[in-house]
Amino acid sequence: MTLPAHWAQDRLKTLSALRRDGDHAAAGTILAEMAEQVPDVFRLPQMWEVINTPVVRFVRPGEGAAHIAYLETLLQVAVRTCSRVVDPRDRAHLAKAIVARLDFRLVAHSDHFIGPLMRGRAALYRTALTPVVAGLPPLAPAGAPDGRPRLVVVFRSLQEDPETTSLLPFFEGARDSGFAVSVLAFADSASPFRTLLETAADEVAILPEDVAGAARAILERNADLLLYGSDVTAKPSVRAYLSFLRLARVQMCAVSTLMTTQSPTMDVYLGSPGHRAIGADREFSERYVEVPAPGFAFRFPRRPPPERRFERAEFGIGQDAVVLVSGANQTKLHRDLLDVWAEILAGAPDTVLVLYPFPRHYGMDGTLAADVRRPFLERGIGGDRVIVLPQLDGRDLVKRFLAICDLGLDSFPYPGVTTMVDAIEAGLPTVALRGRTLRANQGADILESVGLGELVAGDVAAYRDLVLKLVGRPEDRAALRSRLETIRAGSPGVLDPSRFATATAARLRELVSGTAGFQRR
């Protein structure tokens, strides 16, 4: 099938220009008109090159809101188009083709509630799964032969990454409390972290890579609880499809899934009391069940400390300079954030900003580094005051570098999580901005959970003023470092995975027994 000539010459050109210029509202209107005229519009690969051009990073957060509005229109049109297809199998194929091109990685990290967007996504996933659902056996009756409740955890892979290290404490205490634990993934790894997983589970196994095969493998475990340990919302995956199937009596997701799935088969979101306190739980279609603040703890394999040490002189930083530092990766460095940081440097001439984009795969090429420096250069702030580090190999080396810095800057509205934990472990005070959504509030929630709420700003102006105040008061920074030493010695929840695991195992027990006040859908 090819595009009608008048589209190629008119509509498609107009739509492309609107998308390029960021006029998402007008682009949505054009898209809806096109779908009305030609229902097969979503089957055309050349159309997808225009209507769903991947967004690498927003220049300003306001563009995120416009992009979300456009995606809502796109999904509404797509759902309506699918509903007009008479044959169920053909309708499922069309929905699957649409789902394969949907990517929510960036909008997941905005400070906007996107429940309507996720409801449209959910409708497409459910339609695409129609043939799979028809071929699956029903869930077996409750009751394992050995009498133990069964918990299944599904990961993307068995490699060490922020998802696996933050989810391990959700279940590592479960076996000690009587659960039979199965950890399932789609990719294997011969690593210290896989060994760590084996100590927390009765079974570690690899799933088939197709939806039906993976679903059957999970059903064979006859799970009472199913926990998705890797994100099921940001982009299409087998895990995302599985989250719309009933494969266990209670199905759950947690911190690695940053927003509501809007799936009718996802029963529970395991989240922080801090997010409920600001009302971020109200967007979740899942029952929001609290675990200890900030909603997670990390379990890392033990490693010998690196020999490498850093000195300011090797980066051309004077001993009297106040070093501000951020590990925000490239997707977080939008223009509004950089403008605030540039205002801070302009208001405090003796400051230096150091960026260490982390993790390693989020490094900066020369073009992006130049974009990052532009707001500073526009204010007359030279390149010697904005330093972009080469990639640091692992969080232990990151913490060694943080030891020579004075104050951390959390990014917004897409805050750091592992970078905030690294700063706390390194004894580095870090300023964060409170957000409205679960994802945008994570940096603030971590600080408040360890008793450093005074480092959380309520708005952008307060964030800027707080940083400038601390820059000018070395005695306050020293007092905060001293408090961090005490905090670290007391092992708060975010730094105490064993205590978190024990508390979470008790919550899982309540979910199985029905004493958590949870009513399954």
Protein backbone atom coordinates (compact mmCIF):
# COMPACT_ATOMS: atom_id res chain seq x y z
CA MET A 1 0.00 0.00 0.00
CA THR A 2 1.26 3.50 -0.82
CA LEU A 3 0.18 6.91 0.33
CA PRO A 4 -2.44 8.73 -1.76
CA ALA A 5 -0.82 11.42 -3.88
CA HIS A 6 -2.56 14.34 -2.16
CA TRP A 7 -1.19 13.19 1.20
CA ALA A 8 2.34 12.91 -0.08
CA GLN A 9 2.14 16.42 -1.43
CA ASP A 10 0.06 18.11 1.22
CA ARG A 11 -1.02 16.41 4.44
CA LEU A 12 2.13 14.45 5.10
CA LYS A 13 4.30 17.50 4.42
CA THR A 14 2.15 19.63 6.73
CA LEU A 15 2.16 17.03 9.49
CA SER A 16 5.93 16.66 9.28
CA ALA A 17 6.43 20.43 9.54
CA LEU A 18 4.10 20.68 12.54
CA ARG A 19 5.93 17.88 14.34
CA ARG A 20 9.30 19.46 13.57
CA ASP A 21 8.15 22.86 14.86
CA GLY A 22 6.64 21.38 18.01
CA ASP A 23 3.04 22.34 17.21
CA HIS A 24 1.73 19.06 18.58
CA ALA A 25 -1.88 20.23 18.94
CA ALA A 26 -2.21 21.06 15.24
CA ALA A 27 -0.33 17.86 14.35
CA GLY A 28 -2.86 15.85 16.37
CA THR A 29 -5.75 17.47 14.49
CA ILE A 30 -4.19 16.64 11.11
CA LEU A 31 -3.52 13.07 12.22
CA ALA A 32 -7.14 12.57 13.31
CA GLU A 33 -8.39 13.86 9.94
CA MET A 34 -6.06 11.54 8.05
CA ALA A 35 -7.20 8.50 10.03
CA GLU A 36 -10.84 9.37 9.36
CA GLN A 37 -10.23 9.49 5.62
CA VAL A 38 -7.97 6.43 5.37
CA PRO A 39 -8.41 3.94 8.27
CA ASP A 40 -5.31 2.00 7.19
CA VAL A 41 -3.09 4.97 7.99
CA PHE A 42 -1.43 3.12 10.88
CA ARG A 43 -0.32 0.29 8.61
CA LEU A 44 1.95 2.59 6.63
CA PRO A 45 5.61 2.51 7.74
CA GLN A 46 6.31 5.86 6.09
CA MET A 47 3.56 7.42 8.21
CA TRP A 48 5.25 6.29 11.42
CA GLU A 49 8.41 8.11 10.42
CA VAL A 50 6.38 11.29 10.77
CA ILE A 51 3.71 10.69 13.40
CA ASN A 52 5.93 9.11 16.06
CA THR A 53 9.35 10.64 15.49
CA PRO A 54 11.42 9.61 18.55
CA VAL A 55 12.11 12.43 20.98
CA VAL A 56 15.63 12.22 22.41
CA ARG A 57 15.24 15.00 24.95
CA PHE A 58 13.00 18.00 25.44
CA VAL A 59 14.65 21.42 25.32
CA ARG A 60 12.13 22.79 27.78
CA PRO A 61 9.69 20.92 30.05
CA GLY A 62 6.74 22.75 28.47
CA GLU A 63 7.48 20.84 25.29
CA GLY A 64 6.92 17.66 27.27
CA ALA A 65 3.34 18.66 28.06
CA ALA A 66 2.67 19.42 24.39
CA HIS A 67 4.20 16.11 23.33
CA ILE A 68 2.07 14.22 25.87
CA ALA A 69 -1.07 15.93 24.52
CA TYR A 70 -0.09 14.89 21.00
CA LEU A 71 0.52 11.29 22.10
CA GLU A 72 -2.90 11.23 23.77
CA THR A 73 -4.46 12.25 20.47
CA LEU A 74 -2.37 9.68 18.61
CA LEU A 75 -3.53 6.90 20.95
CA GLN A 76 -7.17 7.99 20.83
CA VAL A 77 -7.09 7.91 17.05
CA ALA A 78 -5.28 4.55 17.05
CA VAL A 79 -7.76 2.95 19.47
CA ARG A 80 -10.70 4.28 17.46
CA THR A 81 -9.15 3.00 14.22
CA CYS A 82 -8.60 -0.48 15.68
CA SER A 83 -12.19 -0.64 16.92
CA ARG A 84 -13.44 -0.25 13.34
CA VAL A 85 -11.63 -3.39 12.14
CA VAL A 86 -14.23 -6.16 12.01
CA ASP A 87 -12.07 -9.29 12.06
CA PRO A 88 -10.70 -9.88 15.62
CA ARG A 89 -7.41 -11.34 14.43
CA ASP A 90 -6.83 -8.53 11.95
CA ARG A 91 -7.72 -6.03 14.69
CA ALA A 92 -5.14 -7.64 17.00
CA HIS A 93 -2.47 -7.53 14.27
CA LEU A 94 -3.10 -3.82 13.69
CA ALA A 95 -2.94 -3.07 17.43
CA LYS A 96 0.30 -5.05 17.71
CA ALA A 97 1.81 -3.09 14.81
CA ILE A 98 0.93 0.17 16.56
CA VAL A 99 2.22 -0.97 19.96
CA ALA A 100 5.56 -1.97 18.41
CA ARG A 101 6.23 1.68 17.58
CA LEU A 102 5.19 3.30 20.85
CA ASP A 103 7.92 4.64 23.12
CA PHE A 104 7.19 6.41 26.42
CA ARG A 105 10.73 6.55 27.77
CA LEU A 106 10.90 10.33 27.97
CA VAL A 107 7.33 11.19 28.97
CA ALA A 108 7.69 8.72 31.86
CA HIS A 109 10.30 11.08 33.32
CA SER A 110 8.25 14.26 33.14
CA ASP A 111 6.32 15.86 36.01
CA HIS A 112 2.94 15.33 34.38
CA PHE A 113 0.23 12.86 35.31
CA ILE A 114 -0.31 10.74 32.24
CA GLY A 115 -3.12 8.40 33.24
CA PRO A 116 -5.20 9.14 30.10
CA LEU A 117 -2.18 8.43 27.93
CA MET A 118 -1.58 5.10 29.68
CA ARG A 119 -5.24 4.13 29.36
CA GLY A 120 -4.96 4.49 25.60
CA ARG A 121 -1.79 2.42 25.62
CA ALA A 122 -3.50 -0.23 27.74
CA ALA A 123 -6.42 -0.52 25.30
CA LEU A 124 -4.02 -1.21 22.43
CA TYR A 125 -2.03 -3.82 24.38
CA ARG A 126 -5.21 -5.65 25.38
CA THR A 127 -6.44 -5.68 21.80
CA ALA A 128 -3.08 -6.94 20.53
CA LEU A 129 -3.16 -9.79 23.08
CA THR A 130 -6.53 -11.20 22.01
CA PRO A 131 -5.08 -14.28 20.19
CA VAL A 132 -2.64 -14.99 23.04
CA VAL A 133 -5.33 -14.87 25.72
CA ALA A 134 -7.47 -17.35 23.80
CA GLY A 135 -4.63 -19.90 23.77
CA LEU A 136 -3.57 -19.74 27.43
CA PRO A 137 -4.66 -22.22 30.12
CA PRO A 138 -6.50 -20.80 33.13
CA LEU A 139 -4.73 -19.98 36.36
CA ALA A 140 -4.49 -23.09 38.55
CA PRO A 141 -6.25 -23.22 41.93
CA ALA A 142 -4.32 -21.86 44.89
CA GLY A 143 -2.21 -24.17 46.96
CA ALA A 144 1.31 -25.45 46.32
CA PRO A 145 2.22 -29.10 47.10
CA ASP A 146 4.72 -28.00 49.74
CA GLY A 147 2.29 -25.56 51.34
CA ARG A 148 4.54 -22.53 50.77
CA PRO A 149 3.18 -19.40 49.07
CA ARG A 150 4.89 -18.89 45.74
CA LEU A 151 6.47 -15.62 44.60
CA VAL A 152 7.66 -15.17 41.01
CA VAL A 153 9.85 -12.19 40.05
CA VAL A 154 10.33 -11.28 36.38
CA PHE A 155 13.39 -9.32 35.24
CA ARG A 156 14.54 -8.12 31.83
CA SER A 157 17.91 -9.73 32.46
CA LEU A 158 20.06 -11.10 35.28
CA GLN A 159 22.67 -8.39 34.81
CA GLU A 160 23.45 -5.81 37.47
CA ASP A 161 21.64 -2.56 36.72
CA PRO A 162 19.50 -0.05 38.66
CA GLU A 163 16.37 -2.18 38.12
CA THR A 164 17.76 -5.44 39.45
CA THR A 165 19.77 -3.93 42.31
CA SER A 166 16.79 -1.89 43.56
CA LEU A 167 14.32 -4.80 43.27
CA LEU A 168 16.41 -7.51 44.91
CA PRO A 169 15.56 -6.26 48.44
CA PHE A 170 11.85 -6.53 47.57
CA PHE A 171 12.09 -10.30 47.69
CA GLU A 172 15.38 -11.38 49.25
CA GLY A 173 13.72 -11.71 52.67
CA ALA A 174 10.74 -13.58 51.25
CA ARG A 175 12.31 -17.04 51.25
CA ASP A 176 13.34 -16.69 54.90
CA SER A 177 9.71 -15.84 55.73
CA GLY A 178 8.41 -19.00 54.06
CA PHE A 179 7.97 -18.14 50.37
CA ALA A 180 9.11 -20.30 47.48
CA VAL A 181 10.86 -17.71 45.25
CA SER A 182 11.45 -18.01 41.50
CA VAL A 183 13.47 -15.36 39.66
CA LEU A 184 12.84 -15.44 35.92
CA ALA A 185 14.49 -13.34 33.20
CA PHE A 186 14.83 -13.12 29.45
CA ALA A 187 18.62 -12.81 29.34
CA ASP A 188 21.23 -14.64 31.39
CA SER A 189 24.44 -13.30 32.89
CA ALA A 190 27.46 -14.97 34.43
CA SER A 191 28.19 -12.31 37.02
CA PRO A 192 28.49 -11.68 40.76
CA PHE A 193 24.98 -10.25 40.68
CA ARG A 194 23.53 -13.48 39.29
CA THR A 195 25.22 -15.28 42.16
CA LEU A 196 23.63 -12.81 44.55
CA LEU A 197 20.20 -13.54 43.06
CA GLU A 198 20.74 -17.25 43.53
CA THR A 199 21.23 -16.74 47.27
CA ALA A 200 17.82 -15.02 47.50
CA ALA A 201 15.77 -17.44 45.38
CA ASP A 202 14.89 -21.11 45.16
CA GLU A 203 15.07 -20.93 41.38
CA VAL A 204 16.75 -18.70 38.79
CA ALA A 205 15.68 -19.50 35.23
CA ILE A 206 15.45 -18.04 31.72
CA LEU A 207 12.08 -17.42 30.07
CA PRO A 208 11.16 -17.99 26.41
CA GLU A 209 11.36 -14.78 24.41
CA ASP A 210 7.82 -14.97 23.00
CA VAL A 211 4.77 -13.76 24.92
CA ALA A 212 2.80 -17.02 24.83
CA GLY A 213 5.82 -19.14 25.80
CA ALA A 214 6.80 -16.81 28.66
CA ALA A 215 3.20 -16.67 29.91
CA ARG A 216 2.95 -20.46 30.01
CA ALA A 217 6.28 -20.72 31.85
CA ILE A 218 5.02 -18.32 34.51
CA LEU A 219 1.66 -20.08 34.80
CA GLU A 220 3.50 -23.35 35.41
CA ARG A 221 4.89 -21.84 38.64
CA ASN A 222 1.32 -21.38 39.99
CA ALA A 223 2.32 -18.13 41.67
CA ASP A 224 0.44 -16.49 44.50
CA LEU A 225 2.40 -13.27 43.87
CA LEU A 226 3.99 -12.08 40.64
CA LEU A 227 6.35 -9.09 40.85
CA TYR A 228 7.56 -7.34 37.70
CA GLY A 229 11.10 -6.29 38.59
CA SER A 230 11.81 -4.42 35.35
CA ASP A 231 9.90 -1.56 33.76
CA VAL A 232 6.75 -2.56 31.86
CA THR A 233 5.61 0.90 30.72
CA ALA A 234 8.32 2.85 28.92
CA LYS A 235 8.67 0.85 25.72
CA PRO A 236 7.26 -2.27 24.03
CA SER A 237 8.60 -5.57 25.37
CA VAL A 238 7.50 -9.09 26.17
CA ARG A 239 7.31 -7.99 29.82
CA ALA A 240 4.95 -5.18 28.87
CA TYR A 241 2.63 -7.65 27.13
CA LEU A 242 2.77 -10.06 30.07
CA SER A 243 1.62 -7.28 32.43
CA PHE A 244 -1.79 -7.41 30.71
CA LEU A 245 -2.29 -11.14 31.32
CA ARG A 246 -3.56 -12.83 34.48
CA LEU A 247 -0.62 -15.07 35.39
CA ALA A 248 -0.81 -15.06 39.21
CA ARG A 249 -3.37 -14.44 41.91
CA VAL A 250 -1.85 -11.08 42.84
CA GLN A 251 0.30 -9.16 40.33
CA MET A 252 2.56 -6.31 41.35
CA CYS A 253 5.06 -3.75 40.13
CA ALA A 254 7.34 -1.38 42.00
CA VAL A 255 10.05 1.27 41.64
CA SER A 256 11.43 0.18 38.25
CA THR A 257 8.00 0.85 36.73
CA LEU A 258 7.76 4.61 37.11
CA MET A 259 4.07 5.16 36.45
CA THR A 260 0.73 3.43 36.42
CA THR A 261 0.31 0.58 33.94
CA GLN A 262 -3.49 1.08 33.77
CA SER A 263 -3.60 -2.70 33.27
CA PRO A 264 -6.71 -4.41 34.68
CA THR A 265 -4.54 -7.38 35.68
CA MET A 266 -1.94 -5.35 37.59
CA ASP A 267 -3.24 -5.36 41.14
CA VAL A 268 -0.64 -3.62 43.33
CA TYR A 269 1.95 -0.89 43.14
CA LEU A 270 4.50 -1.13 45.97
CA GLY A 271 5.39 2.48 46.69
CA SER A 272 6.71 4.98 49.20
CA PRO A 273 4.62 6.76 51.85
CA GLY A 274 6.27 9.95 50.61
CA HIS A 275 4.58 9.68 47.24
CA ARG A 276 1.20 9.13 48.88
CA ALA A 277 1.84 12.18 51.07
CA ILE A 278 2.04 14.45 48.01
CA GLY A 279 -0.88 12.71 46.25
CA ALA A 280 1.20 11.02 43.56
CA ASP A 281 -0.61 7.74 44.27
CA ARG A 282 -3.90 9.11 42.94
CA GLU A 283 -2.92 8.45 39.34
CA PHE A 284 -2.42 4.72 39.89
CA SER A 285 -5.11 2.30 38.76
CA GLU A 286 -3.24 -0.27 40.86
CA ARG A 287 -3.86 -0.51 44.60
CA TYR A 288 -1.05 1.57 46.13
CA VAL A 289 0.53 -0.49 48.93
CA GLU A 290 3.20 1.19 51.03
CA VAL A 291 6.66 -0.20 51.70
CA PRO A 292 9.30 1.62 53.80
CA ALA A 293 10.40 5.03 52.48
CA PRO A 294 11.71 5.92 49.99
CA GLY A 295 10.12 2.85 48.39
CA PHE A 296 13.30 0.87 47.67
CA ALA A 297 16.80 0.02 48.82
CA PHE A 298 19.77 -1.09 46.73
CA ARG A 299 21.64 -4.36 47.08
CA PHE A 300 25.00 -4.27 45.29
CA PRO A 301 27.57 -7.07 45.08
CA ARG A 302 30.57 -6.44 47.31
CA ARG A 303 33.68 -5.25 45.48
CA PRO A 304 37.14 -4.13 46.60
CA PRO A 305 37.40 -0.32 46.63
CA PRO A 306 39.09 1.19 43.56
CA GLU A 307 42.68 2.34 43.88
CA ARG A 308 42.02 5.45 41.82
CA ARG A 309 41.81 8.74 43.71
CA PHE A 310 41.04 12.19 42.36
CA GLU A 311 42.63 15.59 42.95
CA ARG A 312 41.09 18.90 41.97
CA ALA A 313 44.26 20.03 40.25
CA GLU A 314 43.97 17.38 37.53
CA PHE A 315 40.74 19.04 36.37
CA GLY A 316 42.07 22.58 36.66
CA ILE A 317 39.89 23.31 39.71
CA GLY A 318 41.30 25.62 42.35
CA GLN A 319 41.38 24.54 45.96
CA ASP A 320 39.23 27.51 47.02
CA ALA A 321 36.50 26.91 44.44
CA VAL A 322 33.11 25.58 45.52
CA VAL A 323 32.55 22.48 43.37
CA LEU A 324 28.94 21.76 42.39
CA VAL A 325 28.36 18.37 40.83
CA SER A 326 25.62 16.39 39.07
CA GLY A 327 25.43 12.90 37.59
CA ALA A 328 22.39 13.77 35.45
CA ASN A 329 22.51 11.89 32.16
CA GLN A 330 21.86 13.46 28.77
CA THR A 331 18.08 12.95 28.76
CA LYS A 332 17.75 15.00 31.97
CA LEU A 333 19.72 18.06 30.86
CA HIS A 334 16.95 20.21 29.37
CA ARG A 335 17.36 23.94 28.82
CA ASP A 336 15.28 25.12 31.80
CA LEU A 337 17.41 23.07 34.21
CA LEU A 338 20.63 24.34 32.65
CA ASP A 339 19.35 27.93 32.85
CA VAL A 340 18.86 27.57 36.61
CA TRP A 341 22.34 26.10 37.04
CA ALA A 342 23.75 28.94 34.92
CA GLU A 343 21.99 31.49 37.16
CA ILE A 344 23.62 29.84 40.17
CA LEU A 345 27.10 30.02 38.65
CA ALA A 346 26.52 33.62 37.58
CA GLY A 347 25.48 34.51 41.14
CA ALA A 348 28.46 32.76 42.72
CA PRO A 349 31.65 33.52 40.76
CA ASP A 350 33.82 31.13 42.77
CA THR A 351 31.79 28.07 41.80
CA VAL A 352 32.58 25.32 39.30
CA LEU A 353 30.01 22.87 37.92
CA VAL A 354 31.14 19.33 37.14
CA LEU A 355 28.94 16.91 35.17
CA TYR A 356 29.63 13.19 35.13
CA PRO A 357 26.81 11.76 32.94
CA PHE A 358 26.04 8.41 34.54
CA PRO A 359 25.52 5.52 33.86
CA ARG A 360 28.18 4.98 31.24
CA HIS A 361 25.83 4.52 28.28
CA TYR A 362 24.48 8.04 28.83
CA GLY A 363 27.71 9.82 28.00
CA MET A 364 27.93 13.03 26.00
CA ASP A 365 29.30 13.41 22.52
CA GLY A 366 30.84 16.71 21.42
CA THR A 367 27.57 18.12 20.05
CA LEU A 368 25.60 17.51 23.22
CA ALA A 369 28.41 18.83 25.43
CA ALA A 370 28.36 22.02 23.37
CA ASP A 371 24.56 22.29 23.82
CA VAL A 372 24.95 21.86 27.57
CA ARG A 373 27.56 24.63 27.79
CA ARG A 374 25.56 27.12 25.69
CA PRO A 375 23.36 28.57 28.49
CA PHE A 376 26.49 29.22 30.54
CA LEU A 377 28.39 30.84 27.69
CA GLU A 378 25.40 33.11 27.02
CA ARG A 379 25.86 34.46 30.57
CA GLY A 380 29.59 34.96 30.11
CA ILE A 381 30.50 31.85 32.13
CA GLY A 382 33.62 30.33 30.59
CA GLY A 383 34.12 26.70 29.73
CA ASP A 384 36.64 26.29 32.53
CA ARG A 385 33.75 26.60 35.01
CA VAL A 386 31.62 23.87 33.39
CA ILE A 387 33.52 20.59 33.25
CA VAL A 388 32.16 17.44 31.59
CA LEU A 389 34.06 14.40 32.83
CA PRO A 390 34.98 11.39 30.76
CA GLN A 391 33.00 8.32 31.74
CA LEU A 392 33.56 7.00 35.24
CA ASP A 393 33.70 3.22 35.35
CA GLY A 394 31.25 2.24 38.07
CA ARG A 395 29.61 3.77 41.12
CA ASP A 396 32.60 3.11 43.41
CA LEU A 397 34.69 5.41 41.24
CA VAL A 398 31.84 7.92 41.18
CA LYS A 399 31.85 8.07 44.97
CA ARG A 400 35.62 8.62 44.97
CA PHE A 401 35.08 11.65 42.73
CA LEU A 402 32.22 12.99 44.84
CA ALA A 403 34.61 13.09 47.78
CA ILE A 404 36.38 16.13 46.25
CA CYS A 405 33.11 18.02 45.61
CA ASP A 406 31.20 20.40 47.89
CA LEU A 407 27.52 20.24 46.94
CA GLY A 408 25.39 18.00 44.73
CA LEU A 409 22.71 19.30 42.37
CA ASP A 410 19.83 16.93 41.70
CA SER A 411 18.20 17.35 38.29
CA PHE A 412 14.50 18.14 37.76
CA PRO A 413 11.84 17.24 36.80
CA TYR A 414 13.72 13.97 36.14
CA PRO A 415 15.73 13.48 39.36
CA GLY A 416 18.51 11.06 40.11
CA VAL A 417 18.00 7.90 42.14
CA THR A 418 21.23 5.93 42.06
CA THR A 419 23.13 9.22 41.85
CA MET A 420 21.34 10.50 44.96
CA VAL A 421 22.13 7.29 46.85
CA ASP A 422 25.76 7.54 45.70
CA ALA A 423 25.92 11.10 47.06
CA ILE A 424 24.50 10.05 50.43
CA GLU A 425 26.97 7.18 50.68
CA ALA A 426 29.80 9.57 49.75
CA GLY A 427 28.69 12.07 52.42
CA LEU A 428 27.87 14.79 49.86
CA PRO A 429 24.92 17.13 50.66
CA THR A 430 22.66 17.39 47.60
CA VAL A 431 19.81 19.79 46.85
CA ALA A 432 16.63 18.44 45.22
CA LEU A 433 13.32 19.82 43.96
CA ARG A 434 10.00 18.37 45.06
CA GLY A 435 7.86 17.06 42.19
CA ARG A 436 4.19 16.22 41.78
CA THR A 437 4.49 12.74 40.29
CA LEU A 438 6.15 9.65 41.71
CA ARG A 439 9.11 9.88 39.33
CA ALA A 440 9.63 13.62 39.74
CA ASN A 441 9.55 13.34 43.54
CA GLN A 442 12.07 10.51 43.97
CA GLY A 443 15.11 12.67 44.73
CA ALA A 444 13.17 14.67 47.32
CA ASP A 445 11.69 11.51 48.82
CA ILE A 446 15.14 9.96 49.29
CA LEU A 447 16.39 13.03 51.15
CA GLU A 448 13.33 13.22 53.37
CA SER A 449 13.53 9.50 54.15
CA VAL A 450 17.02 9.95 55.62
CA GLY A 451 16.12 13.09 57.58
CA LEU A 452 17.50 15.75 55.22
CA GLY A 453 14.25 17.41 54.26
CA GLU A 454 15.83 20.87 54.55
CA LEU A 455 17.69 20.11 51.31
CA VAL A 456 14.38 19.78 49.42
CA ALA A 457 13.10 22.90 47.65
CA GLY A 458 9.43 23.47 46.94
CA ASP A 459 9.87 25.36 43.66
CA VAL A 460 12.56 26.35 41.19
CA ALA A 461 13.27 29.74 42.79
CA ALA A 462 13.66 28.11 46.20
CA TYR A 463 15.99 25.51 44.68
CA ARG A 464 18.23 28.22 43.21
CA ASP A 465 18.22 30.26 46.43
CA LEU A 466 19.00 27.23 48.60
CA VAL A 467 22.00 26.29 46.45
CA LEU A 468 23.31 29.88 46.54
CA LYS A 469 22.85 30.03 50.30
CA LEU A 470 24.84 26.82 50.82
CA VAL A 471 27.54 27.96 48.38
CA GLY A 472 28.10 31.04 50.53
CA ARG A 473 28.03 29.22 53.87
CA PRO A 474 30.80 26.63 54.16
CA GLU A 475 29.92 26.12 57.83
CA ASP A 476 26.44 24.91 56.83
CA ARG A 477 27.91 22.50 54.30
CA ALA A 478 30.29 21.18 56.94
CA ALA A 479 27.41 20.67 59.38
CA LEU A 480 25.46 18.79 56.72
CA ARG A 481 28.45 16.54 56.02
CA SER A 482 28.70 15.79 59.72
CA ARG A 483 25.01 14.89 59.84
CA LEU A 484 25.44 12.65 56.80
CA GLU A 485 28.17 10.76 58.62
CA THR A 486 25.76 10.14 61.50
CA ILE A 487 22.99 9.18 59.09
CA ARG A 488 25.18 6.71 57.26
CA ALA A 489 26.30 5.15 60.53
CA GLY A 490 22.64 4.59 61.42
CA SER A 491 21.95 2.87 58.09
CA PRO A 492 18.66 4.51 57.02
CA GLY A 493 16.26 2.43 54.92
CA VAL A 494 17.70 3.40 51.56
CA LEU A 495 21.13 2.21 52.74
CA ASP A 496 19.88 -0.83 54.65
CA PRO A 497 18.61 -3.44 52.17
CA SER A 498 18.39 -6.16 54.84
CA ARG A 499 15.98 -4.15 56.98
CA PHE A 500 14.00 -3.18 53.88
CA ALA A 501 13.84 -6.85 52.80
CA THR A 502 12.48 -7.92 56.19
CA ALA A 503 9.79 -5.23 56.18
CA THR A 504 8.80 -5.94 52.58
CA ALA A 505 8.58 -9.69 53.19
CA ALA A 506 6.04 -8.96 55.92
CA ARG A 507 4.04 -6.85 53.45
CA LEU A 508 4.12 -9.70 50.89
CA ARG A 509 2.83 -12.05 53.58
CA GLU A 510 -0.08 -9.67 54.20
CA LEU A 511 -0.87 -9.60 50.49
CA VAL A 512 -1.01 -13.39 50.31
CA SER A 513 -3.14 -13.71 53.44
CA GLY A 514 -5.45 -10.86 52.55
CA THR A 515 -4.67 -8.93 55.74
CA ALA A 516 -3.17 -5.93 53.89
CA GLY A 517 -6.63 -4.55 53.19
CA PHE A 518 -6.11 -5.39 49.54
CA GLN A 519 -9.08 -6.37 47.42
CA ARG A 520 -8.03 -8.02 44.15
CA ARG A 521 -9.80 -6.71 41.08
